[in-house]
């Protein structure tokens, strides 16, 4: 429940994502290979929490959601940056049971 409400809140406030963050996510997802195998594959990056400290340090918690086309089966990942440098590695939060099956079907067509 918390995950859904956090994601909804994060997506209401769109924020441009640094090309460095986008590149990091693409590498972690293996985006090029997934996109090549399944043209409907896509992902979104959401800023979940942004903390700015008086010493100039900014810590951001990120969530990544990927899916195949309009399928509701999604995977959720998280990572953290400090001043745009990744400080908490890319981790899987959840993966729907049908995600791999949908990917296999897409890949075979």
N, C-alpha and C. Protein backbone atom coordinates (compact mmCIF):
# COMPACT_ATOMS: atom_id res chain seq x y z
N UNK A 1 0.82 -1.19 0.00
CA UNK A 1 0.00 0.00 0.00
C UNK A 1 0.86 1.26 0.00
N UNK A 2 1.88 1.26 0.82
CA UNK A 2 2.77 2.41 0.89
C UNK A 2 3.48 2.63 -0.44
N UNK A 3 3.89 1.54 -1.08
CA UNK A 3 4.57 1.63 -2.36
C UNK A 3 3.70 2.30 -3.41
N UNK A 4 2.44 1.93 -3.47
CA UNK A 4 1.52 2.50 -4.45
C UNK A 4 1.27 3.97 -4.17
N UNK A 5 1.05 4.32 -2.91
CA UNK A 5 0.77 5.73 -2.61
C UNK A 5 2.01 6.59 -2.84
N UNK A 6 3.19 6.07 -2.55
CA UNK A 6 4.41 6.82 -2.80
C UNK A 6 4.61 7.02 -4.29
N UNK A 7 4.38 5.98 -5.07
CA UNK A 7 4.53 6.07 -6.52
C UNK A 7 3.54 7.08 -7.09
N UNK A 8 2.31 7.05 -6.61
CA UNK A 8 1.30 7.99 -7.10
C UNK A 8 1.72 9.42 -6.78
N UNK A 9 2.22 9.64 -5.59
CA UNK A 9 2.66 10.98 -5.21
C UNK A 9 3.85 11.42 -6.08
N UNK A 10 4.78 10.50 -6.30
CA UNK A 10 5.97 10.85 -7.07
C UNK A 10 5.62 11.18 -8.51
N UNK A 11 4.69 10.46 -9.09
CA UNK A 11 4.38 10.68 -10.50
C UNK A 11 3.55 11.94 -10.71
N UNK A 12 2.95 12.48 -9.65
CA UNK A 12 2.19 13.71 -9.76
C UNK A 12 3.13 14.89 -9.96
N UNK A 13 4.33 14.78 -9.45
CA UNK A 13 5.30 15.86 -9.52
C UNK A 13 6.42 15.49 -10.49
N UNK A 14 6.19 15.66 -11.81
CA UNK A 14 7.22 15.27 -12.77
C UNK A 14 8.47 16.13 -12.61
N UNK A 15 9.59 15.52 -12.81
CA UNK A 15 10.87 16.20 -12.66
C UNK A 15 11.76 15.71 -13.80
N UNK A 16 12.47 16.62 -14.41
CA UNK A 16 13.39 16.18 -15.45
C UNK A 16 14.51 15.40 -14.78
N UNK A 17 14.91 14.34 -15.40
CA UNK A 17 15.92 13.46 -14.84
C UNK A 17 17.25 13.73 -15.54
N UNK A 18 18.28 13.82 -14.77
CA UNK A 18 19.63 14.02 -15.31
C UNK A 18 19.97 12.91 -16.30
N UNK A 19 20.63 13.25 -17.40
CA UNK A 19 21.07 12.20 -18.34
C UNK A 19 21.96 11.15 -17.67
N UNK A 20 22.70 11.54 -16.64
CA UNK A 20 23.52 10.56 -15.92
C UNK A 20 22.66 9.53 -15.20
N UNK A 21 21.57 10.00 -14.59
CA UNK A 21 20.65 9.09 -13.90
C UNK A 21 19.96 8.18 -14.91
N UNK A 22 19.50 8.76 -16.01
CA UNK A 22 18.84 7.97 -17.06
C UNK A 22 19.79 6.91 -17.62
N UNK A 23 21.03 7.27 -17.85
CA UNK A 23 22.02 6.32 -18.37
C UNK A 23 22.27 5.19 -17.37
N UNK A 24 22.38 5.54 -16.10
CA UNK A 24 22.57 4.52 -15.06
C UNK A 24 21.42 3.53 -15.07
N UNK A 25 20.19 4.04 -15.13
CA UNK A 25 19.01 3.18 -15.12
C UNK A 25 19.00 2.27 -16.36
N UNK A 26 19.29 2.83 -17.52
CA UNK A 26 19.32 2.02 -18.75
C UNK A 26 20.32 0.87 -18.64
N UNK A 27 21.48 1.15 -18.08
CA UNK A 27 22.49 0.10 -17.91
C UNK A 27 21.98 -0.97 -16.95
N UNK A 28 21.41 -0.55 -15.82
CA UNK A 28 20.93 -1.51 -14.82
C UNK A 28 19.79 -2.38 -15.35
N UNK A 29 18.92 -1.79 -16.17
CA UNK A 29 17.79 -2.54 -16.73
C UNK A 29 18.19 -3.39 -17.94
N UNK A 30 19.37 -3.14 -18.48
CA UNK A 30 19.77 -3.74 -19.76
C UNK A 30 18.77 -3.31 -20.83
N UNK A 31 18.49 -2.02 -20.82
CA UNK A 31 17.44 -1.43 -21.67
C UNK A 31 17.63 -1.75 -23.15
N UNK A 32 18.82 -1.58 -23.69
CA UNK A 32 19.01 -1.77 -25.12
C UNK A 32 18.63 -3.19 -25.56
N UNK A 33 19.03 -4.18 -24.79
CA UNK A 33 18.69 -5.56 -25.15
C UNK A 33 17.21 -5.84 -24.97
N UNK A 34 16.61 -5.31 -23.90
CA UNK A 34 15.18 -5.52 -23.69
C UNK A 34 14.37 -4.83 -24.78
N UNK A 35 14.75 -3.62 -25.13
CA UNK A 35 14.04 -2.85 -26.17
C UNK A 35 14.19 -3.52 -27.54
N UNK A 36 15.38 -4.05 -27.80
CA UNK A 36 15.63 -4.74 -29.06
C UNK A 36 14.78 -6.00 -29.17
N UNK A 37 14.66 -6.73 -28.07
CA UNK A 37 13.87 -7.96 -28.05
C UNK A 37 12.37 -7.70 -28.03
N UNK A 38 11.98 -6.58 -27.43
CA UNK A 38 10.56 -6.28 -27.27
C UNK A 38 10.36 -4.77 -27.43
N UNK A 39 9.94 -4.36 -28.60
CA UNK A 39 9.81 -2.94 -28.92
C UNK A 39 8.85 -2.18 -28.02
N UNK A 40 7.94 -2.89 -27.34
CA UNK A 40 6.97 -2.23 -26.45
C UNK A 40 7.54 -1.98 -25.06
N UNK A 41 8.76 -2.42 -24.80
CA UNK A 41 9.35 -2.26 -23.47
C UNK A 41 9.62 -0.79 -23.19
N UNK A 42 9.34 -0.36 -21.95
CA UNK A 42 9.60 1.02 -21.56
C UNK A 42 9.75 1.09 -20.04
N UNK A 43 10.22 2.21 -19.55
CA UNK A 43 10.41 2.41 -18.12
C UNK A 43 10.15 3.87 -17.77
N UNK A 44 9.93 4.11 -16.49
CA UNK A 44 9.76 5.45 -15.95
C UNK A 44 10.63 5.59 -14.71
N UNK A 45 11.17 6.78 -14.53
CA UNK A 45 11.97 7.07 -13.34
C UNK A 45 11.20 8.10 -12.51
N UNK A 46 11.00 7.80 -11.24
CA UNK A 46 10.27 8.69 -10.34
C UNK A 46 11.16 9.11 -9.18
N UNK A 47 11.14 10.38 -8.88
CA UNK A 47 11.82 10.88 -7.68
C UNK A 47 10.85 10.69 -6.52
N UNK A 48 11.25 9.89 -5.55
CA UNK A 48 10.36 9.56 -4.44
C UNK A 48 10.58 10.50 -3.25
N UNK A 49 11.84 10.79 -2.97
CA UNK A 49 12.16 11.63 -1.81
C UNK A 49 13.41 12.45 -2.13
N UNK A 50 13.36 13.75 -1.82
CA UNK A 50 14.48 14.64 -2.10
C UNK A 50 14.81 15.38 -0.80
N UNK A 51 16.02 15.15 -0.29
CA UNK A 51 16.45 15.80 0.95
C UNK A 51 17.64 16.72 0.64
N UNK A 52 17.48 18.00 0.96
CA UNK A 52 18.57 18.96 0.79
C UNK A 52 19.03 19.39 2.17
N UNK A 53 20.33 19.24 2.39
CA UNK A 53 20.91 19.55 3.69
C UNK A 53 21.64 20.88 3.64
N UNK A 54 21.83 21.49 4.80
CA UNK A 54 22.45 22.82 4.88
C UNK A 54 23.91 22.83 4.40
N UNK A 55 24.55 21.69 4.38
CA UNK A 55 25.94 21.62 3.92
C UNK A 55 26.05 21.48 2.40
N UNK A 56 24.91 21.58 1.70
CA UNK A 56 24.91 21.51 0.24
C UNK A 56 24.69 20.12 -0.32
N UNK A 57 24.58 19.12 0.53
CA UNK A 57 24.38 17.74 0.08
C UNK A 57 22.91 17.53 -0.24
N UNK A 58 22.65 16.89 -1.38
CA UNK A 58 21.28 16.53 -1.76
C UNK A 58 21.21 15.02 -1.93
N UNK A 59 20.30 14.38 -1.21
CA UNK A 59 20.10 12.94 -1.28
C UNK A 59 18.72 12.70 -1.90
N UNK A 60 18.70 11.90 -2.95
CA UNK A 60 17.43 11.61 -3.63
C UNK A 60 17.21 10.10 -3.68
N UNK A 61 16.01 9.68 -3.28
CA UNK A 61 15.58 8.30 -3.43
C UNK A 61 14.79 8.20 -4.73
N UNK A 62 15.14 7.24 -5.57
CA UNK A 62 14.51 7.06 -6.87
C UNK A 62 13.78 5.73 -6.94
N UNK A 63 12.71 5.70 -7.75
CA UNK A 63 12.02 4.46 -8.04
C UNK A 63 11.92 4.34 -9.56
N UNK A 64 12.15 3.15 -10.05
CA UNK A 64 12.06 2.86 -11.47
C UNK A 64 10.98 1.80 -11.66
N UNK A 65 10.10 2.04 -12.61
CA UNK A 65 9.04 1.09 -12.95
C UNK A 65 9.20 0.75 -14.41
N UNK A 66 9.26 -0.54 -14.71
CA UNK A 66 9.31 -0.91 -16.12
C UNK A 66 8.17 -1.84 -16.47
N UNK A 67 7.82 -1.83 -17.75
CA UNK A 67 6.68 -2.63 -18.22
C UNK A 67 6.84 -2.91 -19.70
N UNK A 68 6.02 -3.82 -20.17
CA UNK A 68 5.99 -4.14 -21.59
C UNK A 68 4.66 -3.64 -22.14
N UNK A 69 4.72 -2.62 -22.98
CA UNK A 69 3.50 -2.07 -23.59
C UNK A 69 2.50 -1.61 -22.56
N UNK A 70 1.25 -1.97 -22.78
CA UNK A 70 0.17 -1.55 -21.88
C UNK A 70 -0.13 -2.60 -20.82
N UNK A 71 0.67 -3.63 -20.74
CA UNK A 71 0.46 -4.68 -19.73
C UNK A 71 0.61 -4.05 -18.34
N UNK A 72 -0.20 -4.55 -17.42
CA UNK A 72 -0.13 -4.02 -16.05
C UNK A 72 0.96 -4.71 -15.24
N UNK A 73 1.56 -5.73 -15.80
CA UNK A 73 2.63 -6.43 -15.11
C UNK A 73 3.89 -5.58 -15.14
N UNK A 74 4.37 -5.24 -13.96
CA UNK A 74 5.49 -4.30 -13.85
C UNK A 74 6.55 -4.85 -12.91
N UNK A 75 7.74 -4.28 -13.04
CA UNK A 75 8.81 -4.52 -12.07
C UNK A 75 9.12 -3.17 -11.42
N UNK A 76 9.47 -3.20 -10.15
CA UNK A 76 9.80 -1.99 -9.40
C UNK A 76 11.23 -2.11 -8.87
N UNK A 77 12.00 -1.03 -9.02
CA UNK A 77 13.37 -0.98 -8.55
C UNK A 77 13.58 0.32 -7.78
N UNK A 78 14.62 0.35 -6.97
CA UNK A 78 14.94 1.57 -6.23
C UNK A 78 16.45 1.75 -6.18
N UNK A 79 16.87 2.99 -6.04
CA UNK A 79 18.27 3.33 -5.79
C UNK A 79 18.32 4.73 -5.21
N UNK A 80 19.48 5.14 -4.73
CA UNK A 80 19.63 6.45 -4.10
C UNK A 80 20.86 7.14 -4.67
N UNK A 81 20.76 8.47 -4.77
CA UNK A 81 21.91 9.27 -5.19
C UNK A 81 22.19 10.33 -4.13
N UNK A 82 23.47 10.69 -4.05
CA UNK A 82 23.91 11.82 -3.24
C UNK A 82 24.67 12.74 -4.16
N UNK A 83 24.13 13.94 -4.34
CA UNK A 83 24.71 14.89 -5.29
C UNK A 83 24.94 14.25 -6.66
N UNK A 84 23.96 13.53 -7.13
CA UNK A 84 23.88 12.87 -8.45
C UNK A 84 24.78 11.64 -8.55
N UNK A 85 25.53 11.31 -7.53
CA UNK A 85 26.34 10.09 -7.54
C UNK A 85 25.55 8.97 -6.88
N UNK A 86 25.51 7.80 -7.51
CA UNK A 86 24.76 6.67 -6.95
C UNK A 86 25.44 6.21 -5.67
N UNK A 87 24.66 6.19 -4.58
CA UNK A 87 25.21 5.80 -3.28
C UNK A 87 24.52 4.56 -2.71
N UNK A 88 23.42 4.16 -3.29
CA UNK A 88 22.73 2.94 -2.91
C UNK A 88 22.37 2.24 -4.20
N UNK A 89 22.89 1.06 -4.41
CA UNK A 89 22.79 0.38 -5.69
C UNK A 89 21.35 0.01 -6.05
N UNK A 90 21.16 -0.20 -7.33
CA UNK A 90 19.90 -0.57 -7.95
C UNK A 90 19.42 -1.89 -7.35
N UNK A 91 18.21 -1.88 -6.78
CA UNK A 91 17.65 -3.07 -6.14
C UNK A 91 16.24 -3.31 -6.63
N UNK A 92 15.90 -4.57 -6.79
CA UNK A 92 14.54 -4.93 -7.17
C UNK A 92 13.65 -4.91 -5.94
N UNK A 93 12.52 -4.23 -6.05
CA UNK A 93 11.53 -4.23 -4.96
C UNK A 93 10.49 -5.31 -5.18
N UNK A 94 10.03 -5.42 -6.42
CA UNK A 94 9.04 -6.46 -6.73
C UNK A 94 8.96 -6.68 -8.22
N UNK A 95 8.45 -7.84 -8.56
CA UNK A 95 8.26 -8.22 -9.96
C UNK A 95 6.97 -9.01 -10.02
N UNK A 96 6.07 -8.61 -10.90
CA UNK A 96 4.82 -9.34 -11.01
C UNK A 96 5.09 -10.73 -11.58
N UNK A 97 4.25 -11.67 -11.26
CA UNK A 97 4.44 -13.05 -11.69
C UNK A 97 4.43 -13.21 -13.20
N UNK A 98 3.68 -12.38 -13.89
CA UNK A 98 3.53 -12.54 -15.34
C UNK A 98 4.53 -11.74 -16.16
N UNK A 99 5.39 -10.94 -15.53
CA UNK A 99 6.30 -10.09 -16.29
C UNK A 99 7.19 -10.90 -17.23
N UNK A 100 7.83 -11.94 -16.70
CA UNK A 100 8.74 -12.75 -17.51
C UNK A 100 7.98 -13.46 -18.64
N UNK A 101 6.78 -13.92 -18.35
CA UNK A 101 5.97 -14.59 -19.37
C UNK A 101 5.60 -13.61 -20.49
N UNK A 102 5.20 -12.41 -20.13
CA UNK A 102 4.87 -11.40 -21.14
C UNK A 102 6.10 -11.03 -21.97
N UNK A 103 7.25 -10.96 -21.32
CA UNK A 103 8.49 -10.66 -22.04
C UNK A 103 8.82 -11.79 -23.03
N UNK A 104 8.66 -13.02 -22.59
CA UNK A 104 8.94 -14.17 -23.46
C UNK A 104 8.00 -14.18 -24.67
N UNK A 105 6.73 -13.86 -24.44
CA UNK A 105 5.76 -13.81 -25.55
C UNK A 105 6.12 -12.69 -26.53
N UNK A 106 6.47 -11.55 -26.00
CA UNK A 106 6.84 -10.41 -26.85
C UNK A 106 8.09 -10.74 -27.65
N UNK A 107 9.05 -11.36 -27.01
CA UNK A 107 10.33 -11.69 -27.62
C UNK A 107 10.15 -12.72 -28.76
N UNK A 108 9.18 -13.62 -28.61
CA UNK A 108 8.99 -14.67 -29.61
C UNK A 108 8.23 -14.22 -30.84
N UNK A 109 7.61 -13.04 -30.80
CA UNK A 109 6.84 -12.58 -31.96
C UNK A 109 7.69 -11.79 -32.93
